[in-house]
C-alpha atoms as a PDB file:
ATOM      1  CA  UNK A   1       4.467 -20.488 -30.093  1.00  0.00           C
ATOM      2  CA  UNK A   2       4.936 -24.103 -29.120  1.00  0.00           C
ATOM      3  CA  UNK A   3       7.781 -25.913 -27.380  1.00  0.00           C
ATOM      4  CA  UNK A   4       9.269 -22.752 -25.902  1.00  0.00           C
ATOM      5  CA  UNK A   5      11.978 -23.067 -23.296  1.00  0.00           C
ATOM      6  CA  UNK A   6      13.492 -20.507 -20.942  1.00  0.00           C
ATOM      7  CA  UNK A   7      16.273 -20.120 -18.427  1.00  0.00           C
ATOM      8  CA  UNK A   8      17.603 -17.338 -16.263  1.00  0.00           C
ATOM      9  CA  UNK A   9      21.174 -16.046 -16.306  1.00  0.00           C
ATOM     10  CA  UNK A  10      22.389 -14.085 -13.276  1.00  0.00           C
ATOM     11  CA  UNK A  11      26.001 -13.004 -12.938  1.00  0.00           C
ATOM     12  CA  UNK A  12      27.015 -15.517 -15.573  1.00  0.00           C
ATOM     13  CA  UNK A  13      25.339 -18.443 -13.789  1.00  0.00           C
ATOM     14  CA  UNK A  14      22.597 -20.224 -15.744  1.00  0.00           C
ATOM     15  CA  UNK A  15      19.552 -21.979 -14.408  1.00  0.00           C
ATOM     16  CA  UNK A  16      18.317 -25.190 -15.983  1.00  0.00           C
ATOM     17  CA  UNK A  17      16.030 -24.940 -18.994  1.00  0.00           C
ATOM     18  CA  UNK A  18      12.292 -25.257 -18.362  1.00  0.00           C
ATOM     19  CA  UNK A  19       9.317 -25.327 -20.679  1.00  0.00           C
ATOM     20  CA  UNK A  20       7.117 -22.216 -20.966  1.00  0.00           C
ATOM     21  CA  UNK A  21       3.428 -23.086 -21.243  1.00  0.00           C
ATOM     22  CA  UNK A  22       1.861 -19.667 -21.688  1.00  0.00           C
ATOM     23  CA  UNK A  23       2.564 -15.980 -21.916  1.00  0.00           C
ATOM     24  CA  UNK A  24       3.900 -13.522 -24.425  1.00  0.00           C
ATOM     25  CA  UNK A  25       7.581 -13.175 -25.174  1.00  0.00           C
ATOM     26  CA  UNK A  26       9.036 -10.396 -23.066  1.00  0.00           C
ATOM     27  CA  UNK A  27      11.448  -7.937 -24.547  1.00  0.00           C
ATOM     28  CA  UNK A  28       9.991  -8.256 -28.013  1.00  0.00           C
ATOM     29  CA  UNK A  29       8.688  -5.284 -29.967  1.00  0.00           C
ATOM     30  CA  UNK A  30       5.395  -7.051 -30.638  1.00  0.00           C
ATOM     31  CA  UNK A  31       4.889  -8.357 -27.093  1.00  0.00           C
ATOM     32  CA  UNK A  32       2.999  -5.354 -25.676  1.00  0.00           C
ATOM     33  CA  UNK A  33       0.892  -4.997 -28.815  1.00  0.00           C
ATOM     34  CA  UNK A  34      -0.004  -8.694 -28.832  1.00  0.00           C
ATOM     35  CA  UNK A  35      -0.995  -8.515 -25.166  1.00  0.00           C
ATOM     36  CA  UNK A  36      -3.264  -5.513 -25.794  1.00  0.00           C
ATOM     37  CA  UNK A  37      -4.934  -7.334 -28.678  1.00  0.00           C
ATOM     38  CA  UNK A  38      -5.308 -10.379 -26.435  1.00  0.00           C
ATOM     39  CA  UNK A  39      -7.132  -8.477 -23.640  1.00  0.00           C
ATOM     40  CA  UNK A  40      -8.990  -6.075 -25.932  1.00  0.00           C
ATOM     41  CA  UNK A  41     -12.369  -7.784 -25.430  1.00  0.00           C
ATOM     42  CA  UNK A  42     -12.198  -7.768 -21.624  1.00  0.00           C
ATOM     43  CA  UNK A  43     -14.379  -4.616 -21.241  1.00  0.00           C
ATOM     44  CA  UNK A  44     -17.130  -6.377 -23.228  1.00  0.00           C
ATOM     45  CA  UNK A  45     -17.515  -8.838 -20.336  1.00  0.00           C
ATOM     46  CA  UNK A  46     -17.933  -6.139 -17.667  1.00  0.00           C
ATOM     47  CA  UNK A  47     -20.903  -3.885 -16.884  1.00  0.00           C
ATOM     48  CA  UNK A  48     -19.157  -1.927 -14.109  1.00  0.00           C
ATOM     49  CA  UNK A  49     -16.675   0.856 -14.704  1.00  0.00           C
ATOM     50  CA  UNK A  50     -13.362  -0.506 -15.949  1.00  0.00           C
ATOM     51  CA  UNK A  51      -9.911   1.000 -16.300  1.00  0.00           C
ATOM     52  CA  UNK A  52      -7.051  -0.740 -18.057  1.00  0.00           C
ATOM     53  CA  UNK A  53      -3.393   0.206 -18.361  1.00  0.00           C
ATOM     54  CA  UNK A  54      -0.796  -2.249 -19.639  1.00  0.00           C
ATOM     55  CA  UNK A  55      -1.460  -5.461 -17.680  1.00  0.00           C
ATOM     56  CA  UNK A  56      -3.400  -3.797 -14.849  1.00  0.00           C
ATOM     57  CA  UNK A  57      -7.185  -3.807 -14.806  1.00  0.00           C
ATOM     58  CA  UNK A  58      -9.437  -2.187 -12.238  1.00  0.00           C
ATOM     59  CA  UNK A  59     -13.213  -2.412 -11.992  1.00  0.00           C
ATOM     60  CA  UNK A  60     -15.470  -0.387  -9.738  1.00  0.00           C
ATOM     61  CA  UNK A  61     -19.103   0.459  -9.255  1.00  0.00           C
ATOM     62  CA  UNK A  62     -21.471   2.178  -6.888  1.00  0.00           C
ATOM     63  CA  UNK A  63     -23.391  -0.365  -4.840  1.00  0.00           C
ATOM     64  CA  UNK A  64     -26.787   0.516  -3.462  1.00  0.00           C
ATOM     65  CA  UNK A  65     -28.599  -2.019  -1.307  1.00  0.00           C
ATOM     66  CA  UNK A  66     -28.088  -5.677  -2.208  1.00  0.00           C
ATOM     67  CA  UNK A  67     -26.991  -5.020  -5.764  1.00  0.00           C
ATOM     68  CA  UNK A  68     -24.934  -7.902  -7.154  1.00  0.00           C
ATOM     69  CA  UNK A  69     -23.520  -6.134 -10.207  1.00  0.00           C
ATOM     70  CA  UNK A  70     -19.924  -6.246  -8.990  1.00  0.00           C
ATOM     71  CA  UNK A  71     -20.122  -9.952  -8.102  1.00  0.00           C
ATOM     72  CA  UNK A  72     -21.522 -10.739 -11.567  1.00  0.00           C
ATOM     73  CA  UNK A  73     -18.613  -8.851 -13.110  1.00  0.00           C
ATOM     74  CA  UNK A  74     -16.113 -10.801 -10.993  1.00  0.00           C
ATOM     75  CA  UNK A  75     -17.799 -14.027 -12.125  1.00  0.00           C
ATOM     76  CA  UNK A  76     -17.574 -12.834 -15.751  1.00  0.00           C
ATOM     77  CA  UNK A  77     -13.866 -12.045 -15.290  1.00  0.00           C
ATOM     78  CA  UNK A  78     -13.384 -15.600 -14.107  1.00  0.00           C
ATOM     79  CA  UNK A  79     -15.210 -16.952 -17.188  1.00  0.00           C
ATOM     80  CA  UNK A  80     -13.113 -14.695 -19.433  1.00  0.00           C
ATOM     81  CA  UNK A  81      -9.888 -15.992 -17.880  1.00  0.00           C
ATOM     82  CA  UNK A  82     -11.029 -19.601 -18.357  1.00  0.00           C
ATOM     83  CA  UNK A  83     -11.954 -18.948 -21.993  1.00  0.00           C
ATOM     84  CA  UNK A  84      -8.605 -17.359 -22.861  1.00  0.00           C
ATOM     85  CA  UNK A  85      -6.499 -19.536 -20.503  1.00  0.00           C
ATOM     86  CA  UNK A  86      -5.089 -16.437 -18.832  1.00  0.00           C
ATOM     87  CA  UNK A  87      -5.033 -16.829 -15.082  1.00  0.00           C
ATOM     88  CA  UNK A  88      -5.212 -13.929 -12.676  1.00  0.00           C
ATOM     89  CA  UNK A  89      -2.466 -13.722 -10.097  1.00  0.00           C
ATOM     90  CA  UNK A  90      -4.305 -13.907  -6.744  1.00  0.00           C
ATOM     91  CA  UNK A  91      -1.378 -12.234  -4.972  1.00  0.00           C
ATOM     92  CA  UNK A  92      -1.862  -9.162  -7.164  1.00  0.00           C
ATOM     93  CA  UNK A  93      -5.666  -9.096  -6.884  1.00  0.00           C
ATOM     94  CA  UNK A  94      -6.702  -6.600  -4.262  1.00  0.00           C
ATOM     95  CA  UNK A  95     -10.158  -5.503  -3.223  1.00  0.00           C
ATOM     96  CA  UNK A  96     -10.600  -2.024  -1.867  1.00  0.00           C
ATOM     97  CA  UNK A  97     -13.868  -0.953  -0.335  1.00  0.00           C
ATOM     98  CA  UNK A  98     -14.644   2.730  -0.444  1.00  0.00           C
ATOM     99  CA  UNK A  99     -17.595   3.982   1.511  1.00  0.00           C
ATOM    100  CA  UNK A 100     -19.131   7.374   0.988  1.00  0.00           C
ATOM    101  CA  UNK A 101     -21.586   8.533   3.605  1.00  0.00           C
ATOM    102  CA  UNK A 102     -24.098  11.275   3.095  1.00  0.00           C
ATOM    103  CA  UNK A 103     -24.295  13.239   6.322  1.00  0.00           C
ATOM    104  CA  UNK A 104     -27.472  15.057   7.120  1.00  0.00           C
ATOM    105  CA  UNK A 105     -26.969  17.766   9.687  1.00  0.00           C
ATOM    106  CA  UNK A 106     -29.720  19.565  11.478  1.00  0.00           C
ATOM    107  CA  UNK A 107     -29.073  23.256  11.349  1.00  0.00           C
ATOM    108  CA  UNK A 108     -30.469  25.159  14.280  1.00  0.00           C
ATOM    109  CA  UNK A 109     -31.394  28.715  13.622  1.00  0.00           C
ATOM    110  CA  UNK A 110     -32.068  31.548  15.980  1.00  0.00           C
ATOM    111  CA  UNK A 111     -35.764  32.138  16.546  1.00  0.00           C
ATOM    112  CA  UNK A 112     -37.487  35.486  16.855  1.00  0.00           C
ATOM    113  CA  UNK A 113     -37.332  35.237  20.621  1.00  0.00           C
ATOM    114  CA  UNK A 114     -33.539  35.056  20.536  1.00  0.00           C
ATOM    115  CA  UNK A 115     -33.468  31.397  21.517  1.00  0.00           C
ATOM    116  CA  UNK A 116     -32.406  28.435  19.452  1.00  0.00           C
ATOM    117  CA  UNK A 117     -35.046  26.205  18.066  1.00  0.00           C
END
């Protein structure tokens, strides 16, 4: 798909034509299928958990100590995007930190003398 042009029409008013450098034709029957084929190898680059739906991808992992697994996966995502010339939209990239704490509670029990120990 070379030399593609696009314009936007809103309420009968047309924008000027501009060249499209990348992407998959929207509104086509093959568009979603071609995109899925295009991103199909993405999980091969990741060692963390990965979930993909349409054009959304989420990765997550449990981090213990100074583990750098997640950072390596983010670096690999960057290499993947460079290889396939598919840039991530930084405005849509969100990091969410979830922290799970294990609480240890001391349970006092009543001693034989009736007091708490």
